[in-house]
Amino acid sequence: MVIVYATLIIKEKKNIEDVPKILREQVKEVLVEMGLPELTFKEVD
C-alpha cells in the first residue's frame, strides 16, 4: 500500500494528508528516496 499511495501522490491524485497516519511516515520515506521530498508536504493554497 505504501507504493500505491506514493504513486497516487506523484500522479497528483492524492496528497500526503490523504494517506492513513499509520502509513504516512513510510510513504514520506519512499518519496524522499525517489528524490521527491517536496511531495511530503501538503501544499498551502
Protein backbone atom coordinates (compact mmCIF):
# COMPACT_ATOMS: atom_id res chain seq x y z
CA MET A 1 0.00 0.00 0.00
CA VAL A 2 2.92 2.35 0.62
CA ILE A 3 3.96 2.25 -3.04
CA VAL A 4 0.35 2.67 -4.15
CA TYR A 5 -0.04 5.84 -2.09
CA ALA A 6 3.35 7.17 -3.23
CA THR A 7 2.31 6.60 -6.85
CA LEU A 8 -1.04 8.34 -6.33
CA ILE A 9 0.74 11.32 -4.77
CA ILE A 10 3.19 11.52 -7.68
CA LYS A 11 0.27 11.42 -10.14
CA GLU A 12 -1.42 14.21 -8.11
CA LYS A 13 -4.47 12.05 -7.35
CA LYS A 14 -3.83 12.22 -3.58
CA ASN A 15 -1.71 14.28 -1.21
CA ILE A 16 0.20 13.27 1.90
CA GLU A 17 -2.77 14.22 4.12
CA ASP A 18 -4.90 11.58 2.36
CA VAL A 19 -2.56 8.79 3.49
CA PRO A 20 -3.63 6.95 6.67
CA LYS A 21 -1.47 8.06 9.60
CA ILE A 22 -0.18 4.53 10.13
CA LEU A 23 1.40 4.56 6.63
CA ARG A 24 2.28 8.25 6.29
CA GLU A 25 5.90 8.09 7.50
CA GLN A 26 6.67 5.13 5.25
CA VAL A 27 5.17 6.93 2.25
CA LYS A 28 7.25 10.01 3.07
CA GLU A 29 10.40 7.86 3.19
CA VAL A 30 9.61 6.35 -0.23
CA LEU A 31 9.00 9.79 -1.76
CA VAL A 32 12.30 11.10 -0.36
CA GLU A 33 14.15 8.03 -1.66
CA MET A 34 12.63 8.71 -5.09
CA GLY A 35 14.03 12.25 -4.99
CA LEU A 36 10.66 13.90 -4.40
CA PRO A 37 10.81 15.32 -0.87
CA GLU A 38 8.65 18.28 -1.91
CA LEU A 39 5.70 15.89 -2.14
CA THR A 40 5.94 15.05 1.57
CA PHE A 41 4.40 18.41 2.48
CA LYS A 42 0.83 19.47 1.92
CA GLU A 43 0.57 22.49 -0.38
CA VAL A 44 -0.91 25.63 1.12
CA ASP A 45 -3.22 27.47 -1.28
